[in-house]
């Protein structure tokens, strides 16, 4: 999430894709952890323009761990979306 500071200076109407789920270890983040990362990105991209995505490290994970990472990503996105600020438009 170090790139958020840089990304907030880029003005674009396009959606932004942020790497939310890490693949750096076999330990799977909880949906709540993923939701927290997504919520931290809302002020920079807005919930209507943010696309949560796994980082590139998932290719190194065993299949079962990668699947659990994606499950946590989906569940975290649902949690964050339910609490997302409403944007006019």
C-alpha atoms as a PDB file:
ATOM      1  CA  UNK A   1       0.000   0.000   0.000  1.00  0.00           C
ATOM      2  CA  UNK A   2       3.033   2.280  -0.212  1.00  0.00           C
ATOM      3  CA  UNK A   3       1.919   3.428  -3.641  1.00  0.00           C
ATOM      4  CA  UNK A   4      -1.271   5.048  -2.326  1.00  0.00           C
ATOM      5  CA  UNK A   5       0.606   8.304  -1.657  1.00  0.00           C
ATOM      6  CA  UNK A   6       1.739   8.405  -5.270  1.00  0.00           C
ATOM      7  CA  UNK A   7      -1.612   7.324  -6.640  1.00  0.00           C
ATOM      8  CA  UNK A   8      -3.519  10.063  -4.834  1.00  0.00           C
ATOM      9  CA  UNK A   9      -1.648  12.644  -6.923  1.00  0.00           C
ATOM     10  CA  UNK A  10      -2.715  11.025 -10.191  1.00  0.00           C
ATOM     11  CA  UNK A  11      -6.024  12.450 -11.363  1.00  0.00           C
ATOM     12  CA  UNK A  12      -7.877  10.127 -13.699  1.00  0.00           C
ATOM     13  CA  UNK A  13     -11.507   9.193 -14.265  1.00  0.00           C
ATOM     14  CA  UNK A  14     -10.446   5.584 -14.796  1.00  0.00           C
ATOM     15  CA  UNK A  15     -10.876   2.947 -12.099  1.00  0.00           C
ATOM     16  CA  UNK A  16      -7.814   2.216 -10.020  1.00  0.00           C
ATOM     17  CA  UNK A  17      -6.601  -1.262  -9.287  1.00  0.00           C
ATOM     18  CA  UNK A  18      -4.876  -1.742  -5.948  1.00  0.00           C
ATOM     19  CA  UNK A  19      -3.050  -4.855  -4.836  1.00  0.00           C
ATOM     20  CA  UNK A  20      -4.856  -5.699  -1.630  1.00  0.00           C
ATOM     21  CA  UNK A  21      -4.284  -9.395  -0.972  1.00  0.00           C
ATOM     22  CA  UNK A  22      -0.674 -10.314  -0.389  1.00  0.00           C
ATOM     23  CA  UNK A  23       0.951 -13.430  -1.685  1.00  0.00           C
ATOM     24  CA  UNK A  24       4.234 -13.068   0.142  1.00  0.00           C
ATOM     25  CA  UNK A  25       3.645 -15.984   2.520  1.00  0.00           C
ATOM     26  CA  UNK A  26       1.423 -19.011   2.977  1.00  0.00           C
ATOM     27  CA  UNK A  27      -0.377 -17.177   5.787  1.00  0.00           C
ATOM     28  CA  UNK A  28      -3.771 -16.025   4.538  1.00  0.00           C
ATOM     29  CA  UNK A  29      -5.083 -12.628   5.565  1.00  0.00           C
ATOM     30  CA  UNK A  30      -8.467 -12.487   7.206  1.00  0.00           C
ATOM     31  CA  UNK A  31     -11.359 -10.862   5.342  1.00  0.00           C
ATOM     32  CA  UNK A  32     -11.317  -8.125   7.993  1.00  0.00           C
ATOM     33  CA  UNK A  33      -7.653  -7.340   7.244  1.00  0.00           C
ATOM     34  CA  UNK A  34      -8.391  -7.185   3.532  1.00  0.00           C
ATOM     35  CA  UNK A  35     -11.444  -4.968   4.165  1.00  0.00           C
ATOM     36  CA  UNK A  36      -9.270  -2.601   6.216  1.00  0.00           C
ATOM     37  CA  UNK A  37      -6.805  -2.257   3.347  1.00  0.00           C
ATOM     38  CA  UNK A  38      -9.623  -1.573   0.913  1.00  0.00           C
ATOM     39  CA  UNK A  39     -11.167   1.054   3.215  1.00  0.00           C
ATOM     40  CA  UNK A  40      -7.779   2.798   3.512  1.00  0.00           C
ATOM     41  CA  UNK A  41      -7.778   3.195  -0.275  1.00  0.00           C
ATOM     42  CA  UNK A  42     -11.283   4.761  -0.452  1.00  0.00           C
ATOM     43  CA  UNK A  43     -10.136   8.356   0.179  1.00  0.00           C
ATOM     44  CA  UNK A  44      -7.640   8.046  -2.659  1.00  0.00           C
ATOM     45  CA  UNK A  45      -9.769   6.406  -5.329  1.00  0.00           C
ATOM     46  CA  UNK A  46     -13.352   6.317  -4.081  1.00  0.00           C
ATOM     47  CA  UNK A  47     -15.279   3.076  -3.741  1.00  0.00           C
ATOM     48  CA  UNK A  48     -16.837   3.454  -7.177  1.00  0.00           C
ATOM     49  CA  UNK A  49     -13.401   3.613  -8.844  1.00  0.00           C
ATOM     50  CA  UNK A  50     -11.441   1.089  -6.792  1.00  0.00           C
ATOM     51  CA  UNK A  51     -10.744  -2.428  -7.999  1.00  0.00           C
ATOM     52  CA  UNK A  52      -9.307  -4.732  -5.347  1.00  0.00           C
ATOM     53  CA  UNK A  53      -6.849  -7.246  -6.748  1.00  0.00           C
ATOM     54  CA  UNK A  54      -4.245  -9.720  -5.532  1.00  0.00           C
ATOM     55  CA  UNK A  55      -0.603  -8.786  -5.841  1.00  0.00           C
ATOM     56  CA  UNK A  56       1.729 -10.636  -8.174  1.00  0.00           C
ATOM     57  CA  UNK A  57       3.089 -12.908  -5.462  1.00  0.00           C
ATOM     58  CA  UNK A  58       0.169 -15.310  -5.639  1.00  0.00           C
ATOM     59  CA  UNK A  59       1.824 -17.243  -8.456  1.00  0.00           C
ATOM     60  CA  UNK A  60       4.304 -18.562  -5.900  1.00  0.00           C
ATOM     61  CA  UNK A  61       1.661 -19.872  -3.504  1.00  0.00           C
ATOM     62  CA  UNK A  62       0.403 -23.432  -3.419  1.00  0.00           C
ATOM     63  CA  UNK A  63      -3.000 -23.718  -5.085  1.00  0.00           C
ATOM     64  CA  UNK A  64      -4.890 -24.179  -1.792  1.00  0.00           C
ATOM     65  CA  UNK A  65      -3.280 -21.068  -0.270  1.00  0.00           C
ATOM     66  CA  UNK A  66      -3.952 -18.981  -3.390  1.00  0.00           C
ATOM     67  CA  UNK A  67      -7.591 -20.084  -3.350  1.00  0.00           C
ATOM     68  CA  UNK A  68      -7.939 -19.074   0.308  1.00  0.00           C
ATOM     69  CA  UNK A  69      -6.317 -15.706  -0.489  1.00  0.00           C
ATOM     70  CA  UNK A  70      -8.892 -15.095  -3.216  1.00  0.00           C
ATOM     71  CA  UNK A  71     -11.717 -16.127  -0.880  1.00  0.00           C
ATOM     72  CA  UNK A  72     -10.443 -13.604   1.686  1.00  0.00           C
ATOM     73  CA  UNK A  73     -10.197 -10.950  -1.041  1.00  0.00           C
ATOM     74  CA  UNK A  74     -13.814 -11.478  -2.093  1.00  0.00           C
ATOM     75  CA  UNK A  75     -15.114 -11.571   1.484  1.00  0.00           C
ATOM     76  CA  UNK A  76     -13.075  -8.487   2.404  1.00  0.00           C
ATOM     77  CA  UNK A  77     -14.357  -6.609  -0.632  1.00  0.00           C
ATOM     78  CA  UNK A  78     -17.923  -7.402   0.387  1.00  0.00           C
ATOM     79  CA  UNK A  79     -17.291  -6.170   3.936  1.00  0.00           C
ATOM     80  CA  UNK A  80     -15.700  -2.948   2.670  1.00  0.00           C
ATOM     81  CA  UNK A  81     -18.431  -2.364   0.087  1.00  0.00           C
ATOM     82  CA  UNK A  82     -21.122  -2.660   2.745  1.00  0.00           C
ATOM     83  CA  UNK A  83     -19.456   0.113   4.737  1.00  0.00           C
ATOM     84  CA  UNK A  84     -18.350   2.214   1.757  1.00  0.00           C
ATOM     85  CA  UNK A  85     -19.100   5.914   1.746  1.00  0.00           C
ATOM     86  CA  UNK A  86     -21.806   6.886  -0.695  1.00  0.00           C
ATOM     87  CA  UNK A  87     -20.484   8.940  -3.564  1.00  0.00           C
ATOM     88  CA  UNK A  88     -22.761  11.304  -5.449  1.00  0.00           C
ATOM     89  CA  UNK A  89     -23.169  10.661  -9.059  1.00  0.00           C
END
